[in-house]
Amino acid sequence: MPTDPLIDASRCPLCGQPNQCAISAGLPPQSCWCMQTPVSRDALQRLPADARGKACICPACARPVADHSTLA
């Protein structure tokens, strides 16, 4: 993952919480939570352009946002 002094690779760029990324912790990629958990397309689209490819989102932000349009 490329480094940027202004972006903390250990923090989620969406919420600022620890992203629990195994790769940024120096662990094998296959041990990362994101290898077994689907990441919502919406979450990826919400990533700021300057953070893409530099910091991972956290498990909470990776979950799909509830669709409130079906609630009556």
PDB file of N, CA and C in Angstrom:
ATOM      1  N   MET A   1       0.839  -1.167   0.000  1.00  0.00           N
ATOM      2  CA  MET A   1       0.000   0.000   0.000  1.00  0.00           C
ATOM      3  C   MET A   1       0.893   1.242   0.000  1.00  0.00           C
ATOM      4  N   PRO A   2       0.677   2.192  -0.917  1.00  0.00           N
ATOM      5  CA  PRO A   2       1.494   3.404  -0.942  1.00  0.00           C
ATOM      6  C   PRO A   2       1.330   4.204   0.349  1.00  0.00           C
ATOM      7  N   THR A   3       2.373   4.923   0.732  1.00  0.00           N
ATOM      8  CA  THR A   3       2.278   5.724   1.949  1.00  0.00           C
ATOM      9  C   THR A   3       2.106   7.192   1.611  1.00  0.00           C
ATOM     10  N   ASP A   4       1.415   7.889   2.492  1.00  0.00           N
ATOM     11  CA  ASP A   4       1.186   9.321   2.376  1.00  0.00           C
ATOM     12  C   ASP A   4       1.293   9.850   3.796  1.00  0.00           C
ATOM     13  N   PRO A   5       2.160  10.822   4.042  1.00  0.00           N
ATOM     14  CA  PRO A   5       2.343  11.295   5.417  1.00  0.00           C
ATOM     15  C   PRO A   5       1.073  11.883   6.039  1.00  0.00           C
ATOM     16  N   LEU A   6       0.108  12.280   5.235  1.00  0.00           N
ATOM     17  CA  LEU A   6      -1.123  12.870   5.753  1.00  0.00           C
ATOM     18  C   LEU A   6      -2.214  11.839   6.005  1.00  0.00           C
ATOM     19  N   ILE A   7      -2.015  10.604   5.541  1.00  0.00           N
ATOM     20  CA  ILE A   7      -3.023   9.561   5.690  1.00  0.00           C
ATOM     21  C   ILE A   7      -2.485   8.486   6.621  1.00  0.00           C
ATOM     22  N   ASP A   8      -3.241   8.194   7.674  1.00  0.00           N
ATOM     23  CA  ASP A   8      -2.865   7.145   8.626  1.00  0.00           C
ATOM     24  C   ASP A   8      -3.424   5.827   8.113  1.00  0.00           C
ATOM     25  N   ALA A   9      -2.552   4.938   7.634  1.00  0.00           N
ATOM     26  CA  ALA A   9      -2.979   3.671   7.036  1.00  0.00           C
ATOM     27  C   ALA A   9      -3.626   2.733   8.045  1.00  0.00           C
ATOM     28  N   SER A  10      -3.515   3.020   9.338  1.00  0.00           N
ATOM     29  CA  SER A  10      -4.128   2.156  10.352  1.00  0.00           C
ATOM     30  C   SER A  10      -5.531   2.619  10.746  1.00  0.00           C
ATOM     31  N   ARG A  11      -5.996   3.721  10.167  1.00  0.00           N
ATOM     32  CA  ARG A  11      -7.307   4.291  10.503  1.00  0.00           C
ATOM     33  C   ARG A  11      -8.230   4.288   9.291  1.00  0.00           C
ATOM     34  N   CYS A  12      -9.501   4.067   9.550  1.00  0.00           N
ATOM     35  CA  CYS A  12     -10.514   4.096   8.492  1.00  0.00           C
ATOM     36  C   CYS A  12     -10.690   5.530   8.009  1.00  0.00           C
ATOM     37  N   PRO A  13     -10.578   5.777   6.710  1.00  0.00           N
ATOM     38  CA  PRO A  13     -10.744   7.139   6.203  1.00  0.00           C
ATOM     39  C   PRO A  13     -12.194   7.630   6.256  1.00  0.00           C
ATOM     40  N   LEU A  14     -13.144   6.739   6.541  1.00  0.00           N
ATOM     41  CA  LEU A  14     -14.545   7.149   6.625  1.00  0.00           C
ATOM     42  C   LEU A  14     -14.946   7.573   8.033  1.00  0.00           C
ATOM     43  N   CYS A  15     -14.463   6.850   9.057  1.00  0.00           N
ATOM     44  CA  CYS A  15     -14.889   7.161  10.429  1.00  0.00           C
ATOM     45  C   CYS A  15     -13.735   7.522  11.362  1.00  0.00           C
ATOM     46  N   GLY A  16     -12.500   7.239  10.953  1.00  0.00           N
ATOM     47  CA  GLY A  16     -11.345   7.566  11.778  1.00  0.00           C
ATOM     48  C   GLY A  16     -10.984   6.527  12.828  1.00  0.00           C
ATOM     49  N   GLN A  17     -11.764   5.462  12.927  1.00  0.00           N
ATOM     50  CA  GLN A  17     -11.485   4.402  13.896  1.00  0.00           C
ATOM     51  C   GLN A  17     -10.406   3.460  13.344  1.00  0.00           C
ATOM     52  N   PRO A  18      -9.766   2.652  14.208  1.00  0.00           N
ATOM     53  CA  PRO A  18      -8.793   1.672  13.706  1.00  0.00           C
ATOM     54  C   PRO A  18      -9.453   0.757  12.672  1.00  0.00           C
ATOM     55  N   ASN A  19      -8.754   0.512  11.561  1.00  0.00           N
ATOM     56  CA  ASN A  19      -9.362  -0.274  10.480  1.00  0.00           C
ATOM     57  C   ASN A  19      -9.092  -1.774  10.589  1.00  0.00           C
ATOM     58  N   GLN A  20      -8.280  -2.180  11.549  1.00  0.00           N
ATOM     59  CA  GLN A  20      -7.983  -3.596  11.785  1.00  0.00           C
ATOM     60  C   GLN A  20      -7.361  -4.280  10.564  1.00  0.00           C
ATOM     61  N   CYS A  21      -6.610  -3.528   9.774  1.00  0.00           N
ATOM     62  CA  CYS A  21      -5.988  -4.058   8.563  1.00  0.00           C
ATOM     63  C   CYS A  21      -4.762  -4.898   8.910  1.00  0.00           C
ATOM     64  N   ALA A  22      -4.790  -6.155   8.517  1.00  0.00           N
ATOM     65  CA  ALA A  22      -3.664  -7.055   8.770  1.00  0.00           C
ATOM     66  C   ALA A  22      -2.435  -6.629   7.969  1.00  0.00           C
ATOM     67  N   ILE A  23      -2.643  -6.173   6.760  1.00  0.00           N
ATOM     68  CA  ILE A  23      -1.522  -5.799   5.896  1.00  0.00           C
ATOM     69  C   ILE A  23      -0.748  -4.625   6.491  1.00  0.00           C
ATOM     70  N   SER A  24      -1.465  -3.584   6.945  1.00  0.00           N
ATOM     71  CA  SER A  24      -0.759  -2.438   7.524  1.00  0.00           C
ATOM     72  C   SER A  24      -0.112  -2.794   8.858  1.00  0.00           C
ATOM     73  N   ALA A  25      -0.565  -3.899   9.481  1.00  0.00           N
ATOM     74  CA  ALA A  25       0.045  -4.379  10.724  1.00  0.00           C
ATOM     75  C   ALA A  25       1.216  -5.323  10.449  1.00  0.00           C
ATOM     76  N   GLY A  26       1.524  -5.556   9.165  1.00  0.00           N
ATOM     77  CA  GLY A  26       2.637  -6.419   8.802  1.00  0.00           C
ATOM     78  C   GLY A  26       2.312  -7.899   8.778  1.00  0.00           C
ATOM     79  N   LEU A  27       1.021  -8.223   8.780  1.00  0.00           N
ATOM     80  CA  LEU A  27       0.591  -9.621   8.752  1.00  0.00           C
ATOM     81  C   LEU A  27       0.260 -10.045   7.326  1.00  0.00           C
ATOM     82  N   PRO A  28       0.151 -11.345   7.071  1.00  0.00           N
ATOM     83  CA  PRO A  28      -0.178 -11.815   5.720  1.00  0.00           C
ATOM     84  C   PRO A  28      -1.556 -11.310   5.278  1.00  0.00           C
ATOM     85  N   PRO A  29      -1.690 -10.920   4.009  1.00  0.00           N
ATOM     86  CA  PRO A  29      -2.972 -10.416   3.507  1.00  0.00           C
ATOM     87  C   PRO A  29      -4.139 -11.368   3.753  1.00  0.00           C
ATOM     88  N   GLN A  30      -3.904 -12.674   3.626  1.00  0.00           N
ATOM     89  CA  GLN A  30      -4.998 -13.631   3.786  1.00  0.00           C
ATOM     90  C   GLN A  30      -5.537 -13.663   5.212  1.00  0.00           C
ATOM     91  N   SER A  31      -4.827 -13.082   6.173  1.00  0.00           N
ATOM     92  CA  SER A  31      -5.309 -13.062   7.553  1.00  0.00           C
ATOM     93  C   SER A  31      -6.184 -11.843   7.851  1.00  0.00           C
ATOM     94  N   CYS A  32      -6.337 -10.960   6.884  1.00  0.00           N
ATOM     95  CA  CYS A  32      -7.128  -9.745   7.102  1.00  0.00           C
ATOM     96  C   CYS A  32      -8.627 -10.054   7.091  1.00  0.00           C
ATOM     97  N   TRP A  33      -9.380  -9.322   7.905  1.00  0.00           N
ATOM     98  CA  TRP A  33     -10.828  -9.510   8.001  1.00  0.00           C
ATOM     99  C   TRP A  33     -11.500  -9.335   6.644  1.00  0.00           C
ATOM    100  N   CYS A  34     -10.961  -8.469   5.801  1.00  0.00           N
ATOM    101  CA  CYS A  34     -11.614  -8.161   4.521  1.00  0.00           C
ATOM    102  C   CYS A  34     -11.542  -9.308   3.517  1.00  0.00           C
ATOM    103  N   MET A  35     -10.705 -10.296   3.792  1.00  0.00           N
ATOM    104  CA  MET A  35     -10.609 -11.441   2.892  1.00  0.00           C
ATOM    105  C   MET A  35     -11.757 -12.428   3.093  1.00  0.00           C
ATOM    106  N   GLN A  36     -12.444 -12.336   4.223  1.00  0.00           N
ATOM    107  CA  GLN A  36     -13.576 -13.220   4.498  1.00  0.00           C
ATOM    108  C   GLN A  36     -14.908 -12.479   4.593  1.00  0.00           C
ATOM    109  N   THR A  37     -14.888 -11.157   4.559  1.00  0.00           N
ATOM    110  CA  THR A  37     -16.090 -10.352   4.746  1.00  0.00           C
ATOM    111  C   THR A  37     -16.367  -9.528   3.498  1.00  0.00           C
ATOM    112  N   PRO A  38     -17.593  -9.590   2.973  1.00  0.00           N
ATOM    113  CA  PRO A  38     -17.921  -8.737   1.830  1.00  0.00           C
ATOM    114  C   PRO A  38     -17.859  -7.259   2.225  1.00  0.00           C
ATOM    115  N   VAL A  39     -17.333  -6.446   1.344  1.00  0.00           N
ATOM    116  CA  VAL A  39     -17.256  -5.000   1.552  1.00  0.00           C
ATOM    117  C   VAL A  39     -18.284  -4.359   0.634  1.00  0.00           C
ATOM    118  N   SER A  40     -19.128  -3.507   1.200  1.00  0.00           N
ATOM    119  CA  SER A  40     -20.200  -2.917   0.392  1.00  0.00           C
ATOM    120  C   SER A  40     -19.634  -1.985  -0.677  1.00  0.00           C
ATOM    121  N   ARG A  41     -20.241  -2.027  -1.813  1.00  0.00           N
ATOM    122  CA  ARG A  41     -19.840  -1.165  -2.928  1.00  0.00           C
ATOM    123  C   ARG A  41     -20.029   0.304  -2.547  1.00  0.00           C
ATOM    124  N   ASP A  42     -21.107   0.592  -1.787  1.00  0.00           N
ATOM    125  CA  ASP A  42     -21.377   1.959  -1.339  1.00  0.00           C
ATOM    126  C   ASP A  42     -20.228   2.488  -0.481  1.00  0.00           C
ATOM    127  N   ALA A  43     -19.708   1.646   0.404  1.00  0.00           N
ATOM    128  CA  ALA A  43     -18.599   2.067   1.264  1.00  0.00           C
ATOM    129  C   ALA A  43     -17.377   2.428   0.423  1.00  0.00           C
ATOM    130  N   LEU A  44     -17.088   1.622  -0.559  1.00  0.00           N
ATOM    131  CA  LEU A  44     -15.940   1.905  -1.427  1.00  0.00           C
ATOM    132  C   LEU A  44     -16.139   3.196  -2.210  1.00  0.00           C
ATOM    133  N   GLN A  45     -17.360   3.466  -2.640  1.00  0.00           N
ATOM    134  CA  GLN A  45     -17.641   4.688  -3.389  1.00  0.00           C
ATOM    135  C   GLN A  45     -17.553   5.933  -2.510  1.00  0.00           C
ATOM    136  N   ARG A  46     -17.768   5.774  -1.200  1.00  0.00           N
ATOM    137  CA  ARG A  46     -17.694   6.910  -0.279  1.00  0.00           C
ATOM    138  C   ARG A  46     -16.266   7.269   0.115  1.00  0.00           C
ATOM    139  N   LEU A  47     -15.303   6.422  -0.245  1.00  0.00           N
ATOM    140  CA  LEU A  47     -13.908   6.714   0.098  1.00  0.00           C
ATOM    141  C   LEU A  47     -13.447   8.004  -0.567  1.00  0.00           C
ATOM    142  N   PRO A  48     -12.797   8.890   0.187  1.00  0.00           N
ATOM    143  CA  PRO A  48     -12.237  10.090  -0.436  1.00  0.00           C
ATOM    144  C   PRO A  48     -11.176   9.689  -1.465  1.00  0.00           C
ATOM    145  N   ALA A  49     -11.126  10.390  -2.558  1.00  0.00           N
ATOM    146  CA  ALA A  49     -10.189  10.060  -3.636  1.00  0.00           C
ATOM    147  C   ALA A  49      -8.746  10.005  -3.144  1.00  0.00           C
ATOM    148  N   ASP A  50      -8.363  10.912  -2.242  1.00  0.00           N
ATOM    149  CA  ASP A  50      -6.974  10.936  -1.781  1.00  0.00           C
ATOM    150  C   ASP A  50      -6.627   9.785  -0.838  1.00  0.00           C
ATOM    151  N   ALA A  51      -7.628   9.037  -0.354  1.00  0.00           N
ATOM    152  CA  ALA A  51      -7.370   7.905   0.539  1.00  0.00           C
ATOM    153  C   ALA A  51      -7.402   6.567  -0.192  1.00  0.00           C
ATOM    154  N   ARG A  52      -7.888   6.556  -1.412  1.00  0.00           N
ATOM    155  CA  ARG A  52      -8.002   5.294  -2.159  1.00  0.00           C
ATOM    156  C   ARG A  52      -6.627   4.684  -2.396  1.00  0.00           C
ATOM    157  N   GLY A  53      -6.510   3.412  -2.035  1.00  0.00           N
ATOM    158  CA  GLY A  53      -5.248   2.710  -2.189  1.00  0.00           C
ATOM    159  C   GLY A  53      -4.216   3.045  -1.131  1.00  0.00           C
ATOM    160  N   LYS A  54      -4.598   3.863  -0.135  1.00  0.00           N
ATOM    161  CA  LYS A  54      -3.652   4.274   0.902  1.00  0.00           C
ATOM    162  C   LYS A  54      -4.087   3.877   2.301  1.00  0.00           C
ATOM    163  N   ALA A  55      -5.400   3.710   2.512  1.00  0.00           N
ATOM    164  CA  ALA A  55      -5.913   3.322   3.831  1.00  0.00           C
ATOM    165  C   ALA A  55      -7.168   2.486   3.636  1.00  0.00           C
ATOM    166  N   CYS A  56      -7.291   1.446   4.439  1.00  0.00           N
ATOM    167  CA  CYS A  56      -8.455   0.556   4.357  1.00  0.00           C
ATOM    168  C   CYS A  56      -9.586   1.062   5.239  1.00  0.00           C
ATOM    169  N   ILE A  57     -10.804   0.711   4.854  1.00  0.00           N
ATOM    170  CA  ILE A  57     -11.937   1.031   5.708  1.00  0.00           C
ATOM    171  C   ILE A  57     -12.045  -0.026   6.806  1.00  0.00           C
ATOM    172  N   CYS A  58     -12.780   0.284   7.860  1.00  0.00           N
ATOM    173  CA  CYS A  58     -12.937  -0.644   8.984  1.00  0.00           C
ATOM    174  C   CYS A  58     -14.114  -1.590   8.730  1.00  0.00           C
ATOM    175  N   PRO A  59     -14.210  -2.674   9.503  1.00  0.00           N
ATOM    176  CA  PRO A  59     -15.313  -3.620   9.313  1.00  0.00           C
ATOM    177  C   PRO A  59     -16.692  -2.973   9.448  1.00  0.00           C
ATOM    178  N   ALA A  60     -16.846  -2.031  10.374  1.00  0.00           N
ATOM    179  CA  ALA A  60     -18.156  -1.392  10.566  1.00  0.00           C
ATOM    180  C   ALA A  60     -18.557  -0.580   9.337  1.00  0.00           C
ATOM    181  N   CYS A  61     -17.636   0.168   8.767  1.00  0.00           N
ATOM    182  CA  CYS A  61     -17.948   0.976   7.582  1.00  0.00           C
ATOM    183  C   CYS A  61     -18.083   0.115   6.330  1.00  0.00           C
ATOM    184  N   ALA A  62     -17.513  -1.074   6.342  1.00  0.00           N
ATOM    185  CA  ALA A  62     -17.584  -1.964   5.179  1.00  0.00           C
ATOM    186  C   ALA A  62     -18.956  -2.594   5.006  1.00  0.00           C
ATOM    187  N   ARG A  63     -19.730  -2.642   6.101  1.00  0.00           N
ATOM    188  CA  ARG A  63     -21.066  -3.245   6.022  1.00  0.00           C
ATOM    189  C   ARG A  63     -21.983  -2.361   5.196  1.00  0.00           C
ATOM    190  N   PRO A  64     -22.930  -2.993   4.498  1.00  0.00           N
ATOM    191  CA  PRO A  64     -23.894  -2.202   3.726  1.00  0.00           C
ATOM    192  C   PRO A  64     -24.742  -1.326   4.643  1.00  0.00           C
ATOM    193  N   VAL A  65     -25.060  -0.131   4.171  1.00  0.00           N
ATOM    194  CA  VAL A  65     -25.949   0.773   4.900  1.00  0.00           C
ATOM    195  C   VAL A  65     -27.360   0.224   4.762  1.00  0.00           C
ATOM    196  N   ALA A  66     -28.114   0.216   5.849  1.00  0.00           N
ATOM    197  CA  ALA A  66     -29.488  -0.291   5.810  1.00  0.00           C
ATOM    198  C   ALA A  66     -30.310   0.516   4.816  1.00  0.00           C
ATOM    199  N   ASP A  67     -31.112  -0.184   4.061  1.00  0.00           N
ATOM    200  CA  ASP A  67     -31.979   0.464   3.075  1.00  0.00           C
ATOM    201  C   ASP A  67     -33.268   0.871   3.775  1.00  0.00           C
ATOM    202  N   HIS A  68     -33.404   2.167   4.052  1.00  0.00           N
ATOM    203  CA  HIS A  68     -34.576   2.668   4.760  1.00  0.00           C
ATOM    204  C   HIS A  68     -35.749   2.934   3.827  1.00  0.00           C
ATOM    205  N   SER A  69     -35.558   2.765   2.540  1.00  0.00           N
ATOM    206  CA  SER A  69     -36.642   3.050   1.595  1.00  0.00           C
ATOM    207  C   SER A  69     -37.755   2.015   1.681  1.00  0.00           C
ATOM    208  N   THR A  70     -37.472   0.851   2.263  1.00  0.00           N
ATOM    209  CA  THR A  70     -38.503  -0.181   2.355  1.00  0.00           C
ATOM    210  C   THR A  70     -39.310  -0.069   3.642  1.00  0.00           C
ATOM    211  N   LEU A  71     -38.898   0.845   4.531  1.00  0.00           N
ATOM    212  CA  LEU A  71     -39.631   1.030   5.779  1.00  0.00           C
ATOM    213  C   LEU A  71     -40.850   1.907   5.539  1.00  0.00           C
ATOM    214  N   ALA A  72     -41.959   1.531   6.151  1.00  0.00           N
ATOM    215  CA  ALA A  72     -43.178   2.336   5.980  1.00  0.00           C
ATOM    216  C   ALA A  72     -43.545   3.002   7.270  1.00  0.00           C
TER     217      ALA A  72
END
